[in-house]
Amino acid sequence: MIRVVVAEDSLTVRELLVGILESDPEFRVVGQAKTGAEAVELAIRLRPDLITMDVHMPALDGFEATKEIMVHAPAPIIIVSSSASQADVELSFNTMRAGALMVVAKPDNPQSPLFNGRREQFVAMAKAMAQVKVVRRWATQTLPATAPASRRRASGPPLQLVAMAASTGGPAALQRILADLPGDFPAPILIVQHIATGFVAGLAGWLGGACNLHVKVAEAGDPLVGHTVLIAPDDRHLGIAQGRAVLSDAPPLGGFRPSATHLFETAARAYGASLAAIVLTGMGSDGVAGLAAVKTAGGRVLAQDEASSVVFGMPREAVVAGLADEVLPVGGIADWLREQATQGAP
């Protein structure tokens, strides 16, 4: 049984979320909160397996409540957002930096023809997130910049392209990496981030506001130039041809569109040994097949380490498959990229 606390100030939405969760026999809603302070109190008293968190609540918003919960009673937290506006998205992603696992849109009106499909997706996501092992965060904690878990020196010419993939926990990891890179970083960066539909533009704005690079949602034909970060749009594969971004409606790969494997394979064909492919925190194994193509083409592969990953799923698959040249904490990835871009093989 998965015990859930639902934190939502709107009675209508709160009842809808409770109804969706309890429609599945694996869930039991053990507490309901209409304020952030109530959410913290219930988390400490009930120790639930999962918390769904609204970001806009009176007295203590979802961001502050999440920080308190992760210090005093750590639990998997899903942000349930009513809006994809830039302000709401920024608050949602800041809440993820504080320890929440992911952001999802609030369910549609039950009369909507999309309701049943999205209800099933929400329930499946809630089940998956409830299994994530979260850790206590101290009030002053930042993402770690510790020594690397392993070092196997990659070699090759200076980088001309960086391709990154992430899922659960990815936004905070991406923000850390991009913020640590200089504004004149010479290689273009392409990203596949698995995220709920409607939030990718907000993600681009949030990341761009935290770094000195130009961050945007990729459009067909965008040139791949230095100082620029392109993020795959909703439900489109992001690839590369002739130095430009290519978007594709081809079928999902491994259940994903955009797919990290698609990005890595097209990048490997276009850039070969001048490519660095990075797999970050996330569930599943998207990207591993593409990393094999990167290695065959002579490119470099880096995986985020377990200690700094929210979910050591995608990186673990790369390591187990023997495809990772190096395994680094998130705080060491930007230094590695600067080194590889400016010096090539040390």
Protein backbone atom coordinates (compact mmCIF):
# COMPACT_ATOMS: atom_id res chain seq x y z
CA MET A 1 0.00 0.00 0.00
CA ILE A 2 1.31 3.44 -0.99
CA ARG A 3 0.39 6.00 1.67
CA VAL A 4 -0.08 9.51 0.24
CA VAL A 5 -0.50 13.03 1.59
CA VAL A 6 -2.22 15.43 -0.82
CA ALA A 7 -1.33 19.11 -0.30
CA GLU A 8 -3.61 21.43 -2.30
CA ASP A 9 -5.45 24.60 -1.25
CA SER A 10 -8.32 24.16 -3.71
CA LEU A 11 -10.94 21.80 -2.30
CA THR A 12 -12.13 20.88 -5.80
CA VAL A 13 -8.67 19.95 -7.04
CA ARG A 14 -7.80 18.22 -3.77
CA GLU A 15 -10.87 16.00 -4.01
CA LEU A 16 -10.08 15.27 -7.64
CA LEU A 17 -6.52 14.18 -6.79
CA VAL A 18 -7.74 12.04 -3.90
CA GLY A 19 -10.32 10.41 -6.17
CA ILE A 20 -7.73 9.70 -8.87
CA LEU A 21 -5.27 8.15 -6.45
CA GLU A 22 -7.82 6.09 -4.54
CA SER A 23 -9.28 4.76 -7.78
CA ASP A 24 -6.23 2.49 -7.72
CA PRO A 25 -6.19 -0.08 -4.91
CA GLU A 26 -2.45 0.39 -4.35
CA PHE A 27 -2.97 3.93 -2.98
CA ARG A 28 -4.42 5.17 0.26
CA VAL A 29 -4.62 8.91 0.94
CA VAL A 30 -3.76 9.20 4.63
CA GLY A 31 -3.76 13.00 4.90
CA GLN A 32 -4.97 16.14 3.16
CA ALA A 33 -3.42 19.59 3.60
CA LYS A 34 -4.74 22.94 2.41
CA THR A 35 -1.66 24.91 3.47
CA GLY A 36 2.06 24.35 3.29
CA ALA A 37 2.32 24.35 7.07
CA GLU A 38 -0.26 21.56 7.26
CA ALA A 39 1.69 19.60 4.65
CA VAL A 40 4.84 19.81 6.78
CA GLU A 41 2.97 18.75 9.91
CA LEU A 42 1.36 15.78 8.18
CA ALA A 43 4.66 14.72 6.62
CA ILE A 44 6.35 14.67 10.02
CA ARG A 45 3.45 12.95 11.80
CA LEU A 46 2.38 10.43 9.15
CA ARG A 47 5.65 9.70 7.31
CA PRO A 48 3.87 9.04 3.98
CA ASP A 49 5.35 7.17 1.04
CA LEU A 50 4.49 10.03 -1.34
CA ILE A 51 3.36 13.66 -1.20
CA THR A 52 1.63 15.57 -3.99
CA MET A 53 2.39 19.26 -3.54
CA ASP A 54 0.73 22.40 -4.89
CA VAL A 55 3.17 25.31 -5.17
CA HIS A 56 0.62 28.05 -4.42
CA MET A 57 -0.70 27.68 -0.89
CA PRO A 58 -1.33 30.19 1.90
CA ALA A 59 1.03 30.83 4.82
CA LEU A 60 3.76 28.53 3.48
CA ASP A 61 4.00 27.86 -0.25
CA GLY A 62 5.00 24.56 -1.82
CA PHE A 63 8.64 25.61 -2.19
CA GLU A 64 9.09 26.43 1.49
CA ALA A 65 7.04 23.41 2.56
CA THR A 66 9.21 21.12 0.45
CA LYS A 67 12.37 22.53 1.99
CA GLU A 68 11.00 21.89 5.47
CA ILE A 69 9.86 18.37 4.62
CA MET A 70 13.21 17.42 3.10
CA VAL A 71 14.96 18.54 6.27
CA HIS A 72 12.61 17.03 8.86
CA ALA A 73 10.72 14.15 7.18
CA PRO A 74 12.13 13.33 3.73
CA ALA A 75 9.62 11.81 1.31
CA PRO A 76 9.15 11.60 -2.46
CA ILE A 77 7.33 14.77 -3.54
CA ILE A 78 5.55 15.42 -6.84
CA ILE A 79 4.76 19.02 -7.73
CA VAL A 80 1.25 19.28 -9.21
CA SER A 81 1.06 22.60 -11.05
CA SER A 82 -2.04 24.35 -12.36
CA SER A 83 -0.15 26.54 -14.80
CA ALA A 84 2.76 26.45 -17.23
CA SER A 85 3.28 30.22 -16.92
CA GLN A 86 6.89 31.28 -16.49
CA ALA A 87 6.36 32.40 -12.89
CA ASP A 88 4.67 29.15 -11.88
CA VAL A 89 7.20 27.03 -13.73
CA GLU A 90 10.09 28.84 -12.05
CA LEU A 91 8.54 28.22 -8.64
CA SER A 92 7.96 24.57 -9.54
CA PHE A 93 11.55 24.05 -10.69
CA ASN A 94 12.94 25.85 -7.66
CA THR A 95 10.87 23.44 -5.59
CA MET A 96 12.54 20.58 -7.45
CA ARG A 97 15.91 22.03 -6.50
CA ALA A 98 14.70 21.91 -2.91
CA GLY A 99 14.07 18.17 -3.22
CA ALA A 100 10.85 17.52 -5.15
CA LEU A 101 11.22 14.84 -7.80
CA MET A 102 9.20 16.16 -10.71
CA VAL A 103 6.44 18.48 -11.88
CA VAL A 104 3.19 17.36 -13.49
CA ALA A 105 0.16 19.30 -14.69
CA LYS A 106 -3.01 19.25 -12.63
CA PRO A 107 -5.52 16.79 -14.10
CA ASP A 108 -8.02 17.90 -16.73
CA ASN A 109 -11.69 18.32 -16.01
CA PRO A 110 -13.17 14.81 -15.67
CA GLN A 111 -15.48 15.63 -18.58
CA SER A 112 -12.50 16.10 -20.90
CA PRO A 113 -11.88 13.33 -23.46
CA LEU A 114 -8.23 13.41 -22.33
CA PHE A 115 -9.03 12.78 -18.68
CA ASN A 116 -8.82 8.98 -18.56
CA GLY A 117 -5.48 8.83 -20.35
CA ARG A 118 -3.93 11.52 -18.18
CA ARG A 119 -5.34 9.95 -15.04
CA GLU A 120 -3.60 6.69 -15.94
CA GLN A 121 -0.36 8.54 -16.61
CA PHE A 122 -0.61 10.36 -13.28
CA VAL A 123 -1.22 7.15 -11.35
CA ALA A 124 1.66 5.37 -13.10
CA MET A 125 3.99 8.30 -12.38
CA ALA A 126 2.91 8.42 -8.74
CA LYS A 127 3.67 4.71 -8.34
CA ALA A 128 7.12 5.14 -9.87
CA MET A 129 8.00 8.18 -7.78
CA ALA A 130 6.86 6.52 -4.55
CA GLN A 131 9.67 3.99 -5.03
CA VAL A 132 12.41 6.64 -5.18
CA LYS A 133 14.67 6.64 -2.14
CA VAL A 134 15.11 10.25 -1.07
CA VAL A 135 17.58 11.51 1.52
CA ARG A 136 17.48 14.16 4.18
CA ARG A 137 18.63 17.59 3.06
CA TRP A 138 20.22 19.88 5.61
CA ALA A 139 19.08 23.50 5.57
CA THR A 140 22.35 24.70 3.99
CA GLN A 141 22.85 21.76 1.64
CA THR A 142 23.85 22.36 -1.97
CA LEU A 143 24.38 19.90 -4.78
CA PRO A 144 27.66 18.08 -4.12
CA ALA A 145 30.96 18.89 -5.80
CA THR A 146 32.88 15.98 -4.36
CA ALA A 147 35.68 13.94 -5.83
CA PRO A 148 34.66 11.77 -8.79
CA ALA A 149 33.41 8.27 -8.14
CA SER A 150 35.72 6.99 -10.86
CA ARG A 151 38.10 8.40 -13.42
CA ARG A 152 38.95 6.75 -16.69
CA ARG A 153 40.48 9.48 -18.79
CA ALA A 154 38.72 10.08 -22.08
CA SER A 155 40.72 11.28 -25.04
CA GLY A 156 39.95 12.94 -28.33
CA PRO A 157 39.96 16.25 -30.16
CA PRO A 158 38.45 19.41 -28.61
CA LEU A 159 34.70 19.16 -28.27
CA GLN A 160 32.50 20.57 -30.98
CA LEU A 161 29.19 19.37 -29.52
CA VAL A 162 27.76 18.33 -26.15
CA ALA A 163 24.61 16.16 -26.00
CA MET A 164 22.94 15.61 -22.62
CA ALA A 165 20.01 13.52 -21.46
CA ALA A 166 18.14 13.53 -18.15
CA SER A 167 14.89 12.47 -16.54
CA THR A 168 13.92 12.49 -12.84
CA GLY A 169 16.01 15.10 -11.05
CA GLY A 170 17.35 16.43 -14.33
CA PRO A 171 16.31 20.10 -14.14
CA ALA A 172 18.34 20.78 -10.99
CA ALA A 173 21.35 18.89 -12.38
CA LEU A 174 21.15 20.77 -15.68
CA GLN A 175 20.91 24.10 -13.87
CA ARG A 176 24.02 23.31 -11.86
CA ILE A 177 26.04 22.29 -14.92
CA LEU A 178 24.98 25.21 -17.12
CA ALA A 179 25.46 27.75 -14.32
CA ASP A 180 29.02 26.49 -13.85
CA LEU A 181 29.90 26.94 -17.55
CA PRO A 182 31.27 30.26 -18.80
CA GLY A 183 29.22 32.40 -21.17
CA ASP A 184 31.84 31.87 -23.89
CA PHE A 185 31.72 28.07 -23.73
CA PRO A 186 32.58 27.24 -27.36
CA ALA A 187 30.55 24.07 -28.03
CA PRO A 188 26.77 24.03 -28.62
CA ILE A 189 24.80 21.96 -26.12
CA LEU A 190 21.72 19.87 -26.99
CA ILE A 191 19.47 18.46 -24.28
CA VAL A 192 16.74 15.85 -24.02
CA GLN A 193 14.92 16.24 -20.70
CA HIS A 194 11.95 14.00 -20.01
CA ILE A 195 9.35 16.36 -18.60
CA ALA A 196 5.59 16.77 -18.48
CA THR A 197 4.01 18.25 -21.59
CA GLY A 198 3.73 22.02 -21.48
CA PHE A 199 6.70 22.72 -19.21
CA VAL A 200 9.67 22.69 -21.58
CA ALA A 201 9.47 26.39 -22.48
CA GLY A 202 9.40 27.25 -18.78
CA LEU A 203 12.38 24.96 -18.23
CA ALA A 204 14.34 26.80 -20.92
CA GLY A 205 13.53 30.14 -19.32
CA TRP A 206 14.44 28.89 -15.85
CA LEU A 207 17.77 27.46 -17.01
CA GLY A 208 18.57 30.53 -19.07
CA GLY A 209 17.98 32.78 -16.09
CA ALA A 210 20.56 30.86 -14.06
CA CYS A 211 23.45 30.79 -16.53
CA ASN A 212 25.39 32.93 -18.99
CA LEU A 213 24.50 30.83 -22.04
CA HIS A 214 21.63 31.34 -24.47
CA VAL A 215 19.01 28.67 -23.69
CA LYS A 216 15.99 28.03 -25.90
CA VAL A 217 13.59 25.33 -27.02
CA ALA A 218 14.94 23.89 -30.25
CA GLU A 219 13.28 24.81 -33.53
CA ALA A 220 13.80 23.04 -36.84
CA GLY A 221 16.81 24.49 -38.63
CA ASP A 222 18.38 26.18 -35.60
CA PRO A 223 22.15 26.46 -36.22
CA LEU A 224 24.40 24.67 -33.75
CA VAL A 225 26.64 27.44 -32.47
CA GLY A 226 28.72 28.01 -29.37
CA HIS A 227 27.32 29.66 -26.24
CA THR A 228 23.90 28.16 -27.09
CA VAL A 229 21.77 25.45 -25.47
CA LEU A 230 18.89 23.82 -27.38
CA ILE A 231 16.30 21.74 -25.53
CA ALA A 232 14.11 19.18 -27.29
CA PRO A 233 10.50 20.39 -27.57
CA ASP A 234 7.45 18.47 -26.41
CA ASP A 235 6.79 15.23 -28.28
CA ARG A 236 9.47 15.75 -30.97
CA HIS A 237 12.77 13.95 -31.41
CA LEU A 238 15.77 16.29 -31.49
CA GLY A 239 18.50 15.36 -33.94
CA ILE A 240 21.28 16.88 -36.02
CA ALA A 241 22.06 17.19 -39.71
CA GLN A 242 24.49 19.51 -41.50
CA GLY A 243 25.18 21.59 -38.42
CA ARG A 244 21.53 22.32 -37.66
CA ALA A 245 18.82 21.03 -35.37
CA VAL A 246 16.36 18.58 -36.90
CA LEU A 247 13.00 17.81 -35.31
CA SER A 248 11.22 14.56 -36.05
CA ASP A 249 7.78 13.03 -35.50
CA ALA A 250 9.19 9.52 -35.92
CA PRO A 251 7.74 6.92 -33.52
CA PRO A 252 8.95 6.92 -29.91
CA LEU A 253 12.09 4.95 -29.11
CA GLY A 254 11.78 2.83 -26.02
CA GLY A 255 8.57 4.68 -25.22
CA PHE A 256 10.16 8.14 -25.42
CA ARG A 257 9.74 11.06 -27.77
CA PRO A 258 11.99 13.00 -27.50
CA SER A 259 14.47 10.18 -27.09
CA ALA A 260 18.02 10.45 -25.81
CA THR A 261 19.01 7.55 -28.03
CA HIS A 262 17.85 9.46 -31.13
CA LEU A 263 19.85 12.52 -30.09
CA PHE A 264 23.00 10.53 -29.31
CA GLU A 265 22.85 8.50 -32.54
CA THR A 266 22.41 11.51 -34.82
CA ALA A 267 25.06 13.46 -32.91
CA ALA A 268 27.50 10.56 -33.23
CA ARG A 269 27.01 10.43 -37.00
CA ALA A 270 27.51 14.17 -37.35
CA TYR A 271 30.34 14.84 -34.88
CA GLY A 272 32.12 11.56 -34.20
CA ALA A 273 35.14 11.96 -31.93
CA SER A 274 34.33 15.65 -31.34
CA LEU A 275 31.18 14.74 -29.40
CA ALA A 276 30.66 14.39 -25.66
CA ALA A 277 27.50 12.56 -24.60
CA ILE A 278 26.39 12.96 -20.99
CA VAL A 279 23.72 10.92 -19.24
CA LEU A 280 22.33 12.43 -16.05
CA THR A 281 20.01 11.41 -13.24
CA GLY A 282 16.82 9.65 -14.27
CA MET A 283 14.78 6.47 -14.32
CA GLY A 284 15.03 3.83 -17.00
CA SER A 285 17.58 3.29 -19.74
CA ASP A 286 16.77 5.85 -22.45
CA GLY A 287 19.97 6.78 -24.25
CA VAL A 288 22.02 3.65 -23.64
CA ALA A 289 21.61 2.35 -27.20
CA GLY A 290 22.63 5.76 -28.49
CA LEU A 291 25.71 5.82 -26.27
CA ALA A 292 26.92 2.68 -28.02
CA ALA A 293 26.85 4.64 -31.29
CA VAL A 294 28.80 7.46 -29.63
CA LYS A 295 31.52 5.05 -28.53
CA THR A 296 31.69 3.44 -31.97
CA ALA A 297 32.18 6.88 -33.52
CA GLY A 298 35.00 7.70 -31.09
CA GLY A 299 33.05 10.14 -28.93
CA ARG A 300 33.35 10.54 -25.17
CA VAL A 301 30.69 9.38 -22.69
CA LEU A 302 30.22 10.71 -19.18
CA ALA A 303 27.73 9.51 -16.55
CA GLN A 304 26.59 11.33 -13.42
CA ASP A 305 27.55 9.47 -10.27
CA GLU A 306 25.14 7.77 -7.88
CA ALA A 307 25.75 10.07 -4.93
CA SER A 308 24.63 13.21 -6.78
CA SER A 309 21.83 11.53 -8.79
CA VAL A 310 18.24 11.73 -7.59
CA VAL A 311 17.67 8.43 -9.40
CA PHE A 312 20.72 6.44 -10.50
CA GLY A 313 18.88 4.68 -13.32
CA MET A 314 19.96 6.04 -16.69
CA PRO A 315 23.56 6.63 -15.53
CA ARG A 316 23.72 3.18 -13.97
CA GLU A 317 22.67 1.57 -17.25
CA ALA A 318 25.48 3.40 -19.07
CA VAL A 319 28.02 2.28 -16.48
CA VAL A 320 26.82 -1.34 -16.39
CA ALA A 321 26.97 -1.49 -20.18
CA GLY A 322 30.62 -0.41 -20.04
CA LEU A 323 29.93 2.74 -22.07
CA ALA A 324 30.96 5.46 -19.59
CA ASP A 325 34.49 6.81 -19.97
CA GLU A 326 34.08 8.73 -16.73
CA VAL A 327 31.65 8.87 -13.80
CA LEU A 328 31.47 12.26 -12.10
CA PRO A 329 29.39 14.11 -9.51
CA VAL A 330 27.20 16.81 -10.97
CA GLY A 331 29.49 19.46 -9.48
CA GLY A 332 32.43 18.19 -11.53
CA ILE A 333 30.78 17.96 -14.94
CA ALA A 334 31.24 21.60 -16.00
CA ASP A 335 34.97 21.46 -15.18
CA TRP A 336 35.28 18.31 -17.27
CA LEU A 337 33.49 19.97 -20.17
CA ARG A 338 35.72 23.06 -20.02
CA GLU A 339 38.78 20.84 -20.00
CA GLN A 340 37.63 18.78 -22.95
CA ALA A 341 36.47 21.78 -24.98
CA THR A 342 39.65 23.76 -24.60
CA GLN A 343 42.35 21.10 -24.41
CA GLY A 344 40.99 17.95 -26.00
CA ALA A 345 43.03 15.01 -24.81
CA PRO A 346 45.08 16.15 -21.79
